[in-house]
Amino acid sequence: MKITLYPAPVLRQRARPVDFKKTSFRDLKSLTDRMTAVMIKADGVGIAAPQIGVSLRIFILAPAAIGGDDPVVFINPRNMRISGVKIEDREGFLSLPGLWHHVVRK
């Protein structure tokens, strides 16, 4: 499994939500295991399913990104605003190799 590079159409469209009635735990586990392996091989700190060509709302954060021991899997995530928190860092995107940008999140 390879990283899908920009401007692939799957990276430019809204990913589909995971339908838990139609998707087995085994299939989700297999997909997230493959995503994790690709992320680790690419030395990334996060990866989304569209970055491996799968249009589903799933992303994974590596332990290094959150100071933990195991990757954290997010399925059908929603944005939440936390007031008073400011995070500032350099960020990259595995689907745009070599491109880094200074990002401030409030």
C-alpha atoms as a PDB file:
ATOM      1  CA  MET A   1       0.000   0.000   0.000  1.00  0.00           C
ATOM      2  CA  LYS A   2       1.371   3.390  -1.017  1.00  0.00           C
ATOM      3  CA  ILE A   3       0.677   6.985  -0.091  1.00  0.00           C
ATOM      4  CA  THR A   4      -1.671   8.676  -2.535  1.00  0.00           C
ATOM      5  CA  LEU A   5      -0.077  11.860  -3.820  1.00  0.00           C
ATOM      6  CA  TYR A   6      -1.766  15.187  -4.476  1.00  0.00           C
ATOM      7  CA  PRO A   7      -3.638  16.038  -6.761  1.00  0.00           C
ATOM      8  CA  ALA A   8      -5.368  12.633  -6.753  1.00  0.00           C
ATOM      9  CA  PRO A   9      -9.169  13.070  -6.810  1.00  0.00           C
ATOM     10  CA  VAL A  10      -9.630  11.150  -3.531  1.00  0.00           C
ATOM     11  CA  LEU A  11      -7.668  13.897  -1.761  1.00  0.00           C
ATOM     12  CA  ARG A  12      -9.845  16.643  -3.195  1.00  0.00           C
ATOM     13  CA  GLN A  13     -13.253  15.256  -2.262  1.00  0.00           C
ATOM     14  CA  ARG A  14     -15.128  14.972   1.026  1.00  0.00           C
ATOM     15  CA  ALA A  15     -14.522  11.520   2.515  1.00  0.00           C
ATOM     16  CA  ARG A  16     -17.518   9.291   3.266  1.00  0.00           C
ATOM     17  CA  PRO A  17     -18.456   8.547   6.876  1.00  0.00           C
ATOM     18  CA  VAL A  18     -17.871   4.990   8.073  1.00  0.00           C
ATOM     19  CA  ASP A  19     -21.181   3.111   8.180  1.00  0.00           C
ATOM     20  CA  PHE A  20     -20.865   0.773  11.150  1.00  0.00           C
ATOM     21  CA  LYS A  21     -23.881  -1.252   9.969  1.00  0.00           C
ATOM     22  CA  LYS A  22     -22.085  -2.133   6.725  1.00  0.00           C
ATOM     23  CA  THR A  23     -18.454  -2.247   7.870  1.00  0.00           C
ATOM     24  CA  SER A  24     -17.144  -5.017  10.093  1.00  0.00           C
ATOM     25  CA  PHE A  25     -14.741  -4.462  12.959  1.00  0.00           C
ATOM     26  CA  ARG A  26     -12.347  -6.863  11.215  1.00  0.00           C
ATOM     27  CA  ASP A  27     -12.351  -4.726   8.044  1.00  0.00           C
ATOM     28  CA  LEU A  28     -11.780  -1.531  10.051  1.00  0.00           C
ATOM     29  CA  LYS A  29      -8.967  -3.160  12.024  1.00  0.00           C
ATOM     30  CA  SER A  30      -7.308  -4.373   8.816  1.00  0.00           C
ATOM     31  CA  LEU A  31      -7.556  -0.912   7.220  1.00  0.00           C
ATOM     32  CA  THR A  32      -6.246   0.932  10.272  1.00  0.00           C
ATOM     33  CA  ASP A  33      -3.377  -1.563  10.670  1.00  0.00           C
ATOM     34  CA  ARG A  34      -2.375  -0.947   7.044  1.00  0.00           C
ATOM     35  CA  MET A  35      -2.695   2.822   7.493  1.00  0.00           C
ATOM     36  CA  THR A  36      -0.496   2.667  10.597  1.00  0.00           C
ATOM     37  CA  ALA A  37       2.158   0.639   8.767  1.00  0.00           C
ATOM     38  CA  VAL A  38       2.243   3.150   5.890  1.00  0.00           C
ATOM     39  CA  MET A  39       2.435   6.084   8.313  1.00  0.00           C
ATOM     40  CA  ILE A  40       5.306   4.520  10.259  1.00  0.00           C
ATOM     41  CA  LYS A  41       7.215   3.612   7.090  1.00  0.00           C
ATOM     42  CA  ALA A  42       6.857   7.223   5.881  1.00  0.00           C
ATOM     43  CA  ASP A  43       7.969   8.540   9.293  1.00  0.00           C
ATOM     44  CA  GLY A  44       4.690  10.438   9.633  1.00  0.00           C
ATOM     45  CA  VAL A  45       2.882  11.524  12.781  1.00  0.00           C
ATOM     46  CA  GLY A  46      -0.574  11.147  11.285  1.00  0.00           C
ATOM     47  CA  ILE A  47      -2.393   9.744   8.280  1.00  0.00           C
ATOM     48  CA  ALA A  48      -5.937   9.873   6.908  1.00  0.00           C
ATOM     49  CA  ALA A  49      -7.639   7.124   4.910  1.00  0.00           C
ATOM     50  CA  PRO A  50      -7.792   9.239   1.711  1.00  0.00           C
ATOM     51  CA  GLN A  51      -3.978   9.413   1.836  1.00  0.00           C
ATOM     52  CA  ILE A  52      -3.937   5.705   0.997  1.00  0.00           C
ATOM     53  CA  GLY A  53      -6.710   6.055  -1.578  1.00  0.00           C
ATOM     54  CA  VAL A  54      -9.676   5.154   0.662  1.00  0.00           C
ATOM     55  CA  SER A  55     -12.466   7.727   0.837  1.00  0.00           C
ATOM     56  CA  LEU A  56     -13.480   7.191   4.471  1.00  0.00           C
ATOM     57  CA  ARG A  57     -13.450   9.531   7.473  1.00  0.00           C
ATOM     58  CA  ILE A  58     -10.669   7.851   9.418  1.00  0.00           C
ATOM     59  CA  PHE A  59      -7.376   9.259  10.631  1.00  0.00           C
ATOM     60  CA  ILE A  60      -4.624   8.018  12.892  1.00  0.00           C
ATOM     61  CA  LEU A  61      -2.211   9.889  15.137  1.00  0.00           C
ATOM     62  CA  ALA A  62       1.143   8.288  15.882  1.00  0.00           C
ATOM     63  CA  PRO A  63       2.259   7.930  19.507  1.00  0.00           C
ATOM     64  CA  ALA A  64       5.015  10.508  18.908  1.00  0.00           C
ATOM     65  CA  ALA A  65       2.351  13.114  18.089  1.00  0.00           C
ATOM     66  CA  ILE A  66       0.526  12.660  21.381  1.00  0.00           C
ATOM     67  CA  GLY A  67       3.161  11.396  23.792  1.00  0.00           C
ATOM     68  CA  GLY A  68       1.622   7.944  24.128  1.00  0.00           C
ATOM     69  CA  ASP A  69       2.526   4.331  23.462  1.00  0.00           C
ATOM     70  CA  ASP A  70       0.011   3.351  20.783  1.00  0.00           C
ATOM     71  CA  PRO A  71      -1.461   5.047  17.721  1.00  0.00           C
ATOM     72  CA  VAL A  72      -4.889   6.605  18.266  1.00  0.00           C
ATOM     73  CA  VAL A  73      -7.576   5.916  15.650  1.00  0.00           C
ATOM     74  CA  PHE A  74     -10.345   8.432  14.950  1.00  0.00           C
ATOM     75  CA  ILE A  75     -13.404   7.283  13.012  1.00  0.00           C
ATOM     76  CA  ASN A  76     -16.005   9.807  11.799  1.00  0.00           C
ATOM     77  CA  PRO A  77     -14.318  12.642  13.750  1.00  0.00           C
ATOM     78  CA  ARG A  78     -15.925  16.027  14.252  1.00  0.00           C
ATOM     79  CA  ASN A  79     -14.238  19.374  14.770  1.00  0.00           C
ATOM     80  CA  MET A  80     -14.492  20.791  18.264  1.00  0.00           C
ATOM     81  CA  ARG A  81     -13.284  24.221  19.292  1.00  0.00           C
ATOM     82  CA  ILE A  82     -11.445  24.520  22.590  1.00  0.00           C
ATOM     83  CA  SER A  83     -11.136  28.135  23.598  1.00  0.00           C
ATOM     84  CA  GLY A  84      -7.914  29.503  24.974  1.00  0.00           C
ATOM     85  CA  VAL A  85      -5.691  26.802  23.506  1.00  0.00           C
ATOM     86  CA  LYS A  86      -3.069  27.836  20.972  1.00  0.00           C
ATOM     87  CA  ILE A  87      -0.874  25.292  19.219  1.00  0.00           C
ATOM     88  CA  GLU A  88       1.943  26.417  16.960  1.00  0.00           C
ATOM     89  CA  ASP A  89       4.176  24.053  14.966  1.00  0.00           C
ATOM     90  CA  ARG A  90       5.568  23.063  11.591  1.00  0.00           C
ATOM     91  CA  GLU A  91       3.320  20.631   9.758  1.00  0.00           C
ATOM     92  CA  GLY A  92       3.640  18.518   6.662  1.00  0.00           C
ATOM     93  CA  PHE A  93       1.328  16.309   4.645  1.00  0.00           C
ATOM     94  CA  LEU A  94       2.436  12.854   3.498  1.00  0.00           C
ATOM     95  CA  SER A  95       0.592  13.345   0.205  1.00  0.00           C
ATOM     96  CA  LEU A  96       2.741  16.430  -0.523  1.00  0.00           C
ATOM     97  CA  PRO A  97       6.228  15.133   0.284  1.00  0.00           C
ATOM     98  CA  GLY A  98       8.842  17.680   1.275  1.00  0.00           C
ATOM     99  CA  LEU A  99       6.347  20.508   1.835  1.00  0.00           C
ATOM    100  CA  TRP A 100       6.277  21.978   5.346  1.00  0.00           C
ATOM    101  CA  HIS A 101       4.373  24.993   6.632  1.00  0.00           C
ATOM    102  CA  HIS A 102       4.234  26.915   9.903  1.00  0.00           C
ATOM    103  CA  VAL A 103       0.710  26.468  11.335  1.00  0.00           C
ATOM    104  CA  VAL A 104      -1.014  28.197  14.259  1.00  0.00           C
ATOM    105  CA  ARG A 105      -4.153  26.520  15.588  1.00  0.00           C
ATOM    106  CA  LYS A 106      -6.393  28.378  18.043  1.00  0.00           C
END
